[in-house]
Amino acid sequence: MIDKEEYSANFTNERSGRVYFVNQLTGKNDTPYVKITESRKVSDYEYQKNRILLFKEDLFKLSKVLNKCIKKIKENENDSN
């Protein structure tokens, strides 16, 4: 069975040229997961790809940690203004 894509988005970091892809998929036994891929050019004809697969239980944990990091960054920005 091929995993079913439920949602897909991407964005490019203009400064670094890196492209990030985020895909929500459903795998075996209807298990949802998220695949995050970073693609960056390493030569004229070669790209390096790094992937992270996050299943539901890990995704919620990562979300909490990322939200805390984002909150800290915003607080630091407000302190410097």
N, C-alpha and C. Protein backbone atom coordinates (compact mmCIF):
# COMPACT_ATOMS: atom_id res chain seq x y z
N MET A 1 0.83 -1.19 0.00
CA MET A 1 0.00 0.00 0.00
C MET A 1 0.88 1.25 0.00
N ILE A 2 0.54 2.18 -0.84
CA ILE A 2 1.25 3.46 -0.89
C ILE A 2 0.60 4.40 0.12
N ASP A 3 1.44 5.12 0.86
CA ASP A 3 0.90 6.07 1.84
C ASP A 3 0.10 7.16 1.14
N LYS A 4 -1.00 7.54 1.75
CA LYS A 4 -1.91 8.54 1.17
C LYS A 4 -1.56 9.92 1.70
N GLU A 5 -1.35 10.88 0.78
CA GLU A 5 -1.05 12.25 1.18
C GLU A 5 -2.35 12.98 1.49
N GLU A 6 -2.41 13.57 2.68
CA GLU A 6 -3.60 14.29 3.14
C GLU A 6 -3.45 15.80 2.98
N TYR A 7 -2.21 16.29 3.12
CA TYR A 7 -1.95 17.73 3.08
C TYR A 7 -0.49 17.92 2.68
N SER A 8 -0.23 19.01 1.97
CA SER A 8 1.13 19.30 1.54
C SER A 8 1.34 20.80 1.49
N ALA A 9 2.50 21.26 1.92
CA ALA A 9 2.86 22.68 1.85
C ALA A 9 4.38 22.78 1.75
N ASN A 10 4.86 23.91 1.26
CA ASN A 10 6.32 24.13 1.23
C ASN A 10 6.60 25.62 1.30
N PHE A 11 7.82 25.92 1.67
CA PHE A 11 8.27 27.31 1.67
C PHE A 11 9.77 27.34 1.45
N THR A 12 10.26 28.47 0.95
CA THR A 12 11.67 28.63 0.64
C THR A 12 12.27 29.71 1.53
N ASN A 13 13.44 29.43 2.07
CA ASN A 13 14.22 30.42 2.79
C ASN A 13 15.05 31.13 1.73
N GLU A 14 14.69 32.36 1.42
CA GLU A 14 15.34 33.09 0.33
C GLU A 14 16.84 33.30 0.57
N ARG A 15 17.22 33.51 1.82
CA ARG A 15 18.64 33.76 2.12
C ARG A 15 19.51 32.55 1.88
N SER A 16 19.04 31.40 2.34
CA SER A 16 19.87 30.19 2.23
C SER A 16 19.55 29.38 0.99
N GLY A 17 18.39 29.63 0.39
CA GLY A 17 17.99 28.85 -0.77
C GLY A 17 17.43 27.48 -0.43
N ARG A 18 17.30 27.21 0.85
CA ARG A 18 16.75 25.92 1.27
C ARG A 18 15.25 25.91 1.08
N VAL A 19 14.74 24.75 0.71
CA VAL A 19 13.30 24.57 0.53
C VAL A 19 12.84 23.54 1.55
N TYR A 20 11.74 23.85 2.22
CA TYR A 20 11.17 22.95 3.22
C TYR A 20 9.81 22.47 2.74
N PHE A 21 9.62 21.16 2.80
CA PHE A 21 8.35 20.53 2.42
C PHE A 21 7.75 19.88 3.65
N VAL A 22 6.47 20.09 3.86
CA VAL A 22 5.76 19.47 4.97
C VAL A 22 4.59 18.68 4.38
N ASN A 23 4.56 17.39 4.67
CA ASN A 23 3.51 16.53 4.14
C ASN A 23 2.84 15.76 5.26
N GLN A 24 1.53 15.79 5.29
CA GLN A 24 0.77 14.96 6.21
C GLN A 24 0.32 13.74 5.43
N LEU A 25 0.65 12.57 5.94
CA LEU A 25 0.32 11.33 5.25
C LEU A 25 -0.40 10.36 6.17
N THR A 26 -1.05 9.40 5.56
CA THR A 26 -1.64 8.30 6.30
C THR A 26 -1.00 7.02 5.80
N GLY A 27 -0.43 6.27 6.74
CA GLY A 27 0.29 5.06 6.38
C GLY A 27 -0.52 3.81 6.66
N LYS A 28 0.21 2.75 6.89
CA LYS A 28 -0.41 1.46 7.19
C LYS A 28 -1.31 1.57 8.41
N ASN A 29 -2.36 0.80 8.41
CA ASN A 29 -3.32 0.78 9.53
C ASN A 29 -3.91 2.16 9.82
N ASP A 30 -3.99 3.00 8.80
CA ASP A 30 -4.53 4.36 8.94
C ASP A 30 -3.77 5.20 9.97
N THR A 31 -2.48 4.98 10.08
CA THR A 31 -1.64 5.71 11.02
C THR A 31 -1.21 7.04 10.40
N PRO A 32 -1.61 8.17 11.01
CA PRO A 32 -1.21 9.47 10.47
C PRO A 32 0.22 9.83 10.89
N TYR A 33 0.93 10.49 9.99
CA TYR A 33 2.26 10.99 10.33
C TYR A 33 2.59 12.19 9.47
N VAL A 34 3.63 12.92 9.87
CA VAL A 34 4.09 14.10 9.14
C VAL A 34 5.52 13.85 8.69
N LYS A 35 5.78 14.20 7.44
CA LYS A 35 7.13 14.10 6.89
C LYS A 35 7.61 15.52 6.59
N ILE A 36 8.74 15.90 7.16
CA ILE A 36 9.34 17.21 6.92
C ILE A 36 10.63 16.96 6.14
N THR A 37 10.76 17.61 4.99
CA THR A 37 11.94 17.44 4.14
C THR A 37 12.60 18.78 3.93
N GLU A 38 13.92 18.83 4.16
CA GLU A 38 14.71 20.01 3.84
C GLU A 38 15.54 19.66 2.61
N SER A 39 15.50 20.51 1.60
CA SER A 39 16.28 20.30 0.39
C SER A 39 17.19 21.50 0.19
N ARG A 40 18.47 21.21 -0.01
CA ARG A 40 19.40 22.32 -0.26
C ARG A 40 20.38 21.92 -1.36
N LYS A 41 20.73 22.91 -2.14
CA LYS A 41 21.63 22.70 -3.27
C LYS A 41 23.07 22.61 -2.75
N VAL A 42 23.78 21.54 -3.15
CA VAL A 42 25.17 21.40 -2.73
C VAL A 42 26.13 21.55 -3.90
N SER A 43 25.62 21.46 -5.12
CA SER A 43 26.40 21.75 -6.32
C SER A 43 25.43 22.08 -7.44
N ASP A 44 25.95 22.36 -8.62
CA ASP A 44 25.08 22.73 -9.72
C ASP A 44 24.04 21.66 -10.06
N TYR A 45 24.37 20.41 -9.80
CA TYR A 45 23.48 19.32 -10.21
C TYR A 45 23.08 18.40 -9.06
N GLU A 46 23.37 18.80 -7.84
CA GLU A 46 23.12 17.90 -6.72
C GLU A 46 22.42 18.63 -5.57
N TYR A 47 21.42 17.96 -5.03
CA TYR A 47 20.70 18.47 -3.87
C TYR A 47 20.83 17.47 -2.74
N GLN A 48 20.96 17.99 -1.53
CA GLN A 48 20.97 17.14 -0.34
C GLN A 48 19.59 17.24 0.31
N LYS A 49 19.02 16.10 0.65
CA LYS A 49 17.71 16.09 1.30
C LYS A 49 17.83 15.44 2.67
N ASN A 50 17.22 16.09 3.63
CA ASN A 50 17.15 15.56 4.99
C ASN A 50 15.68 15.42 5.33
N ARG A 51 15.32 14.25 5.88
CA ARG A 51 13.91 14.01 6.20
C ARG A 51 13.73 13.62 7.65
N ILE A 52 12.59 14.05 8.17
CA ILE A 52 12.17 13.67 9.52
C ILE A 52 10.75 13.14 9.40
N LEU A 53 10.50 11.97 9.98
CA LEU A 53 9.16 11.42 10.04
C LEU A 53 8.69 11.51 11.48
N LEU A 54 7.52 12.10 11.68
CA LEU A 54 6.97 12.27 13.02
C LEU A 54 5.60 11.63 13.09
N PHE A 55 5.48 10.67 14.00
CA PHE A 55 4.19 10.04 14.20
C PHE A 55 3.43 10.79 15.28
N LYS A 56 2.14 10.52 15.37
CA LYS A 56 1.22 11.33 16.18
C LYS A 56 1.75 11.60 17.59
N GLU A 57 2.19 10.58 18.29
CA GLU A 57 2.63 10.78 19.68
C GLU A 57 3.85 11.70 19.77
N ASP A 58 4.76 11.61 18.81
CA ASP A 58 5.93 12.48 18.81
C ASP A 58 5.60 13.88 18.29
N LEU A 59 4.65 13.96 17.40
CA LEU A 59 4.27 15.24 16.82
C LEU A 59 3.71 16.18 17.87
N PHE A 60 2.90 15.67 18.76
CA PHE A 60 2.35 16.51 19.83
C PHE A 60 3.45 16.99 20.78
N LYS A 61 4.41 16.12 21.06
CA LYS A 61 5.53 16.52 21.92
C LYS A 61 6.37 17.60 21.24
N LEU A 62 6.65 17.41 19.96
CA LEU A 62 7.43 18.41 19.22
C LEU A 62 6.69 19.74 19.16
N SER A 63 5.40 19.69 18.96
CA SER A 63 4.60 20.90 18.91
C SER A 63 4.73 21.72 20.19
N LYS A 64 4.69 21.05 21.33
CA LYS A 64 4.85 21.75 22.62
C LYS A 64 6.21 22.43 22.73
N VAL A 65 7.25 21.69 22.33
CA VAL A 65 8.61 22.23 22.42
C VAL A 65 8.78 23.41 21.46
N LEU A 66 8.29 23.27 20.23
CA LEU A 66 8.40 24.36 19.26
C LEU A 66 7.64 25.60 19.71
N ASN A 67 6.45 25.41 20.26
CA ASN A 67 5.69 26.55 20.76
C ASN A 67 6.42 27.28 21.88
N LYS A 68 7.09 26.54 22.75
CA LYS A 68 7.88 27.18 23.81
C LYS A 68 9.05 27.96 23.22
N CYS A 69 9.71 27.37 22.22
CA CYS A 69 10.83 28.06 21.57
C CYS A 69 10.37 29.35 20.89
N ILE A 70 9.25 29.26 20.19
CA ILE A 70 8.71 30.44 19.49
C ILE A 70 8.34 31.52 20.50
N LYS A 71 7.75 31.13 21.61
CA LYS A 71 7.38 32.10 22.65
C LYS A 71 8.63 32.80 23.19
N LYS A 72 9.69 32.03 23.43
CA LYS A 72 10.94 32.62 23.93
C LYS A 72 11.54 33.60 22.92
N ILE A 73 11.52 33.22 21.64
CA ILE A 73 12.06 34.10 20.60
C ILE A 73 11.27 35.40 20.56
N LYS A 74 9.95 35.30 20.62
CA LYS A 74 9.11 36.50 20.60
C LYS A 74 9.38 37.38 21.82
N GLU A 75 9.55 36.77 22.99
CA GLU A 75 9.85 37.52 24.20
C GLU A 75 11.19 38.25 24.05
N ASN A 76 12.19 37.58 23.50
CA ASN A 76 13.49 38.19 23.30
C ASN A 76 13.42 39.36 22.30
N GLU A 77 12.60 39.20 21.26
CA GLU A 77 12.42 40.30 20.30
C GLU A 77 11.77 41.50 20.97
N ASN A 78 10.78 41.26 21.81
CA ASN A 78 10.09 42.35 22.49
C ASN A 78 11.02 43.04 23.48
N ASP A 79 11.90 42.28 24.14
CA ASP A 79 12.85 42.86 25.09
C ASP A 79 13.88 43.74 24.40
N SER A 80 14.23 43.40 23.16
CA SER A 80 15.26 44.17 22.46
C SER A 80 14.69 45.42 21.79
N ASN A 81 13.39 45.55 21.73
CA ASN A 81 12.77 46.73 21.10
C ASN A 81 12.54 47.83 22.08
